[in-house]
Amino acid sequence: MILASDMLLNKWVKVLPHVIDATLLCSALLMLYFSQWSVIENTWLQVKIVALLVYIGLGMVTLKFGQTLRVRVFAWLAGLVVFLFIVSVAMSKSVFGFLTG
């Protein structure tokens, strides 16, 4: 997208981000269901799910709704940071993830 590649014309390039986002969201919800975890008791899981929704929103801005290249690049970089935050929350089971210092 940033380099205006011809690969953007391929159908799989347009579909794959939606498949990845849906898989991440469904896996979070299935984890809750099968583990019988309470979101209220596990605040780190609340943070992880909210961050996942932010990540999906940033992906939408990056790939479709960003009006300028600058907005799209910023959303892409912010998405990378949010993804790293999600991973750090999942690994540490802390609501602050890598922000704990």
N, C-alpha and C. Protein backbone atom coordinates (compact mmCIF):
# COMPACT_ATOMS: atom_id res chain seq x y z
N MET A 1 0.83 -1.18 0.00
CA MET A 1 0.00 0.00 0.00
C MET A 1 0.88 1.25 0.00
N ILE A 2 1.90 1.25 0.83
CA ILE A 2 2.77 2.43 0.92
C ILE A 2 3.55 2.64 -0.38
N LEU A 3 3.97 1.53 -0.99
CA LEU A 3 4.75 1.61 -2.23
C LEU A 3 3.88 1.55 -3.48
N ALA A 4 2.56 1.51 -3.32
CA ALA A 4 1.62 1.41 -4.44
C ALA A 4 1.95 0.20 -5.31
N SER A 5 2.14 -0.93 -4.67
CA SER A 5 2.52 -2.16 -5.36
C SER A 5 1.37 -2.69 -6.21
N ASP A 6 1.73 -3.39 -7.27
CA ASP A 6 0.74 -4.05 -8.12
C ASP A 6 0.07 -5.22 -7.40
N MET A 7 0.69 -5.69 -6.32
CA MET A 7 0.10 -6.80 -5.55
C MET A 7 -1.24 -6.41 -4.95
N LEU A 8 -1.49 -5.12 -4.78
CA LEU A 8 -2.76 -4.67 -4.23
C LEU A 8 -3.94 -5.05 -5.10
N LEU A 9 -3.69 -5.39 -6.34
CA LEU A 9 -4.75 -5.78 -7.25
C LEU A 9 -5.18 -7.23 -7.05
N ASN A 10 -4.34 -8.03 -6.37
CA ASN A 10 -4.67 -9.43 -6.12
C ASN A 10 -5.78 -9.54 -5.08
N LYS A 11 -6.71 -10.44 -5.34
CA LYS A 11 -7.86 -10.59 -4.45
C LYS A 11 -7.44 -11.04 -3.05
N TRP A 12 -6.46 -11.96 -2.96
CA TRP A 12 -6.06 -12.48 -1.65
C TRP A 12 -5.47 -11.40 -0.77
N VAL A 13 -4.86 -10.39 -1.37
CA VAL A 13 -4.29 -9.28 -0.60
C VAL A 13 -5.40 -8.45 0.03
N LYS A 14 -6.54 -8.37 -0.63
CA LYS A 14 -7.68 -7.63 -0.10
C LYS A 14 -8.44 -8.43 0.95
N VAL A 15 -8.45 -9.75 0.82
CA VAL A 15 -9.24 -10.61 1.71
C VAL A 15 -8.47 -10.99 2.97
N LEU A 16 -7.18 -11.22 2.85
CA LEU A 16 -6.38 -11.75 3.97
C LEU A 16 -6.45 -10.91 5.25
N PRO A 17 -6.39 -9.58 5.20
CA PRO A 17 -6.49 -8.81 6.45
C PRO A 17 -7.80 -9.07 7.20
N HIS A 18 -8.89 -9.24 6.46
CA HIS A 18 -10.18 -9.51 7.10
C HIS A 18 -10.19 -10.89 7.74
N VAL A 19 -9.57 -11.85 7.08
CA VAL A 19 -9.49 -13.20 7.63
C VAL A 19 -8.65 -13.20 8.91
N ILE A 20 -7.54 -12.49 8.90
CA ILE A 20 -6.67 -12.41 10.08
C ILE A 20 -7.40 -11.73 11.23
N ASP A 21 -8.06 -10.62 10.98
CA ASP A 21 -8.78 -9.91 12.04
C ASP A 21 -9.90 -10.76 12.62
N ALA A 22 -10.65 -11.42 11.75
CA ALA A 22 -11.74 -12.28 12.22
C ALA A 22 -11.20 -13.45 13.03
N THR A 23 -10.08 -14.02 12.60
CA THR A 23 -9.47 -15.13 13.33
C THR A 23 -9.01 -14.68 14.71
N LEU A 24 -8.38 -13.52 14.80
CA LEU A 24 -7.92 -13.02 16.09
C LEU A 24 -9.09 -12.76 17.04
N LEU A 25 -10.14 -12.13 16.53
CA LEU A 25 -11.30 -11.83 17.36
C LEU A 25 -12.02 -13.10 17.79
N CYS A 26 -12.22 -14.02 16.86
CA CYS A 26 -12.88 -15.29 17.20
C CYS A 26 -12.06 -16.10 18.18
N SER A 27 -10.75 -16.11 18.03
CA SER A 27 -9.93 -16.86 18.97
C SER A 27 -9.99 -16.27 20.37
N ALA A 28 -10.08 -14.94 20.47
CA ALA A 28 -10.22 -14.31 21.79
C ALA A 28 -11.54 -14.70 22.44
N LEU A 29 -12.61 -14.68 21.65
CA LEU A 29 -13.92 -15.04 22.18
C LEU A 29 -14.00 -16.53 22.51
N LEU A 30 -13.41 -17.37 21.67
CA LEU A 30 -13.41 -18.82 21.95
C LEU A 30 -12.57 -19.13 23.20
N MET A 31 -11.49 -18.39 23.38
CA MET A 31 -10.67 -18.58 24.57
C MET A 31 -11.50 -18.29 25.82
N LEU A 32 -12.28 -17.25 25.77
CA LEU A 32 -13.17 -16.92 26.89
C LEU A 32 -14.20 -18.03 27.13
N TYR A 33 -14.79 -18.50 26.05
CA TYR A 33 -15.86 -19.48 26.17
C TYR A 33 -15.35 -20.83 26.69
N PHE A 34 -14.30 -21.35 26.07
CA PHE A 34 -13.83 -22.68 26.44
C PHE A 34 -13.09 -22.70 27.77
N SER A 35 -12.48 -21.61 28.14
CA SER A 35 -11.75 -21.56 29.40
C SER A 35 -12.66 -21.21 30.56
N GLN A 36 -13.85 -20.75 30.24
CA GLN A 36 -14.80 -20.28 31.23
C GLN A 36 -14.18 -19.19 32.11
N TRP A 37 -13.39 -18.36 31.46
CA TRP A 37 -12.79 -17.24 32.16
C TRP A 37 -13.80 -16.10 32.20
N SER A 38 -13.75 -15.37 33.26
CA SER A 38 -14.59 -14.20 33.38
C SER A 38 -13.78 -12.98 32.96
N VAL A 39 -14.32 -12.22 32.03
CA VAL A 39 -13.63 -11.01 31.58
C VAL A 39 -13.52 -10.01 32.73
N ILE A 40 -14.51 -10.01 33.60
CA ILE A 40 -14.49 -9.08 34.72
C ILE A 40 -13.37 -9.42 35.70
N GLU A 41 -13.11 -10.71 35.91
CA GLU A 41 -12.04 -11.11 36.82
C GLU A 41 -10.66 -10.97 36.20
N ASN A 42 -10.56 -11.05 34.90
CA ASN A 42 -9.27 -10.97 34.20
C ASN A 42 -9.18 -9.66 33.43
N THR A 43 -8.77 -8.62 34.14
CA THR A 43 -8.73 -7.30 33.50
C THR A 43 -7.73 -7.27 32.34
N TRP A 44 -6.68 -8.07 32.41
CA TRP A 44 -5.71 -8.10 31.32
C TRP A 44 -6.38 -8.58 30.04
N LEU A 45 -7.37 -9.46 30.17
CA LEU A 45 -8.08 -9.96 29.00
C LEU A 45 -8.99 -8.88 28.41
N GLN A 46 -9.58 -8.07 29.29
CA GLN A 46 -10.36 -6.92 28.80
C GLN A 46 -9.49 -5.99 27.97
N VAL A 47 -8.33 -5.68 28.52
CA VAL A 47 -7.40 -4.77 27.84
C VAL A 47 -6.97 -5.36 26.51
N LYS A 48 -6.71 -6.66 26.49
CA LYS A 48 -6.27 -7.32 25.27
C LYS A 48 -7.36 -7.26 24.20
N ILE A 49 -8.61 -7.49 24.58
CA ILE A 49 -9.70 -7.47 23.60
C ILE A 49 -9.95 -6.05 23.09
N VAL A 50 -9.90 -5.07 23.97
CA VAL A 50 -10.07 -3.67 23.54
C VAL A 50 -8.92 -3.27 22.61
N ALA A 51 -7.70 -3.66 22.96
CA ALA A 51 -6.56 -3.34 22.10
C ALA A 51 -6.70 -4.03 20.74
N LEU A 52 -7.26 -5.23 20.72
CA LEU A 52 -7.49 -5.92 19.46
C LEU A 52 -8.48 -5.15 18.59
N LEU A 53 -9.53 -4.61 19.20
CA LEU A 53 -10.49 -3.80 18.45
C LEU A 53 -9.84 -2.52 17.91
N VAL A 54 -8.95 -1.92 18.71
CA VAL A 54 -8.20 -0.73 18.25
C VAL A 54 -7.30 -1.12 17.07
N TYR A 55 -6.66 -2.29 17.18
CA TYR A 55 -5.79 -2.79 16.11
C TYR A 55 -6.58 -2.98 14.81
N ILE A 56 -7.77 -3.55 14.92
CA ILE A 56 -8.62 -3.75 13.74
C ILE A 56 -9.02 -2.40 13.14
N GLY A 57 -9.36 -1.44 13.99
CA GLY A 57 -9.72 -0.10 13.51
C GLY A 57 -8.56 0.57 12.80
N LEU A 58 -7.36 0.45 13.35
CA LEU A 58 -6.19 1.03 12.70
C LEU A 58 -5.91 0.35 11.36
N GLY A 59 -6.14 -0.95 11.29
CA GLY A 59 -5.98 -1.66 10.03
C GLY A 59 -6.95 -1.17 8.98
N MET A 60 -8.17 -0.86 9.42
CA MET A 60 -9.17 -0.33 8.48
C MET A 60 -8.74 1.04 7.95
N VAL A 61 -8.18 1.86 8.83
CA VAL A 61 -7.69 3.18 8.39
C VAL A 61 -6.52 3.00 7.42
N THR A 62 -5.62 2.09 7.77
CA THR A 62 -4.44 1.87 6.95
C THR A 62 -4.80 1.39 5.55
N LEU A 63 -5.71 0.44 5.47
CA LEU A 63 -5.98 -0.20 4.18
C LEU A 63 -7.11 0.43 3.38
N LYS A 64 -8.00 1.17 4.04
CA LYS A 64 -9.16 1.63 3.28
C LYS A 64 -9.54 3.09 3.53
N PHE A 65 -9.65 3.49 4.79
CA PHE A 65 -10.26 4.77 5.10
C PHE A 65 -9.29 5.94 5.21
N GLY A 66 -7.99 5.67 5.26
CA GLY A 66 -7.02 6.76 5.35
C GLY A 66 -7.03 7.58 4.07
N GLN A 67 -7.22 8.88 4.19
CA GLN A 67 -7.35 9.74 3.02
C GLN A 67 -6.01 10.09 2.38
N THR A 68 -4.96 10.16 3.21
CA THR A 68 -3.65 10.53 2.67
C THR A 68 -2.64 9.44 3.04
N LEU A 69 -1.53 9.45 2.35
CA LEU A 69 -0.47 8.49 2.63
C LEU A 69 0.06 8.69 4.05
N ARG A 70 0.15 9.93 4.49
CA ARG A 70 0.64 10.22 5.84
C ARG A 70 -0.26 9.58 6.90
N VAL A 71 -1.57 9.70 6.73
CA VAL A 71 -2.52 9.11 7.68
C VAL A 71 -2.39 7.59 7.66
N ARG A 72 -2.27 7.01 6.48
CA ARG A 72 -2.15 5.56 6.36
C ARG A 72 -0.87 5.04 7.00
N VAL A 73 0.23 5.73 6.78
CA VAL A 73 1.50 5.31 7.37
C VAL A 73 1.45 5.44 8.90
N PHE A 74 0.87 6.52 9.39
CA PHE A 74 0.74 6.68 10.84
C PHE A 74 -0.12 5.58 11.43
N ALA A 75 -1.23 5.25 10.78
CA ALA A 75 -2.10 4.18 11.27
C ALA A 75 -1.40 2.85 11.24
N TRP A 76 -0.58 2.61 10.22
CA TRP A 76 0.19 1.37 10.13
C TRP A 76 1.20 1.26 11.27
N LEU A 77 1.92 2.34 11.52
CA LEU A 77 2.90 2.34 12.61
C LEU A 77 2.21 2.18 13.97
N ALA A 78 1.09 2.88 14.16
CA ALA A 78 0.33 2.74 15.40
C ALA A 78 -0.19 1.31 15.55
N GLY A 79 -0.59 0.69 14.45
CA GLY A 79 -1.04 -0.69 14.48
C GLY A 79 0.06 -1.64 14.92
N LEU A 80 1.29 -1.39 14.47
CA LEU A 80 2.42 -2.21 14.90
C LEU A 80 2.64 -2.09 16.41
N VAL A 81 2.56 -0.87 16.93
CA VAL A 81 2.74 -0.66 18.36
C VAL A 81 1.63 -1.35 19.15
N VAL A 82 0.39 -1.22 18.67
CA VAL A 82 -0.74 -1.87 19.36
C VAL A 82 -0.58 -3.38 19.31
N PHE A 83 -0.12 -3.92 18.18
CA PHE A 83 0.10 -5.37 18.10
C PHE A 83 1.14 -5.82 19.12
N LEU A 84 2.24 -5.09 19.22
CA LEU A 84 3.26 -5.43 20.22
C LEU A 84 2.71 -5.32 21.64
N PHE A 85 1.85 -4.34 21.87
CA PHE A 85 1.21 -4.19 23.17
C PHE A 85 0.32 -5.40 23.47
N ILE A 86 -0.45 -5.85 22.47
CA ILE A 86 -1.32 -7.02 22.66
C ILE A 86 -0.49 -8.24 23.03
N VAL A 87 0.61 -8.44 22.32
CA VAL A 87 1.48 -9.59 22.62
C VAL A 87 2.06 -9.47 24.03
N SER A 88 2.48 -8.27 24.41
CA SER A 88 3.07 -8.10 25.74
C SER A 88 2.05 -8.30 26.85
N VAL A 89 0.81 -7.88 26.62
CA VAL A 89 -0.25 -8.10 27.61
C VAL A 89 -0.52 -9.60 27.73
N ALA A 90 -0.57 -10.29 26.60
CA ALA A 90 -0.83 -11.73 26.63
C ALA A 90 0.28 -12.50 27.34
N MET A 91 1.51 -12.08 27.14
CA MET A 91 2.64 -12.79 27.74
C MET A 91 2.78 -12.48 29.23
N SER A 92 2.54 -11.24 29.60
CA SER A 92 2.75 -10.84 31.00
C SER A 92 1.49 -10.97 31.84
N LYS A 93 0.32 -11.05 31.17
CA LYS A 93 -0.98 -11.04 31.86
C LYS A 93 -1.10 -9.83 32.78
N SER A 94 -0.54 -8.73 32.33
CA SER A 94 -0.60 -7.46 33.02
C SER A 94 -1.33 -6.48 32.13
N VAL A 95 -2.19 -5.65 32.70
CA VAL A 95 -2.95 -4.70 31.90
C VAL A 95 -2.06 -3.64 31.24
N PHE A 96 -0.85 -3.49 31.73
CA PHE A 96 0.05 -2.47 31.20
C PHE A 96 1.02 -3.03 30.15
N GLY A 97 1.13 -4.34 30.02
CA GLY A 97 2.01 -4.94 29.03
C GLY A 97 3.42 -4.39 29.09
N PHE A 98 3.95 -3.97 27.94
CA PHE A 98 5.32 -3.45 27.91
C PHE A 98 5.44 -2.07 28.54
N LEU A 99 4.33 -1.46 28.91
CA LEU A 99 4.37 -0.13 29.52
C LEU A 99 4.76 -0.18 31.00
N THR A 100 4.86 -1.39 31.58
CA THR A 100 5.21 -1.50 33.00
C THR A 100 6.67 -1.13 33.25
N GLY A 101 7.42 -1.07 32.21
CA GLY A 101 8.76 -0.53 32.34
C GLY A 101 9.83 -1.51 32.53
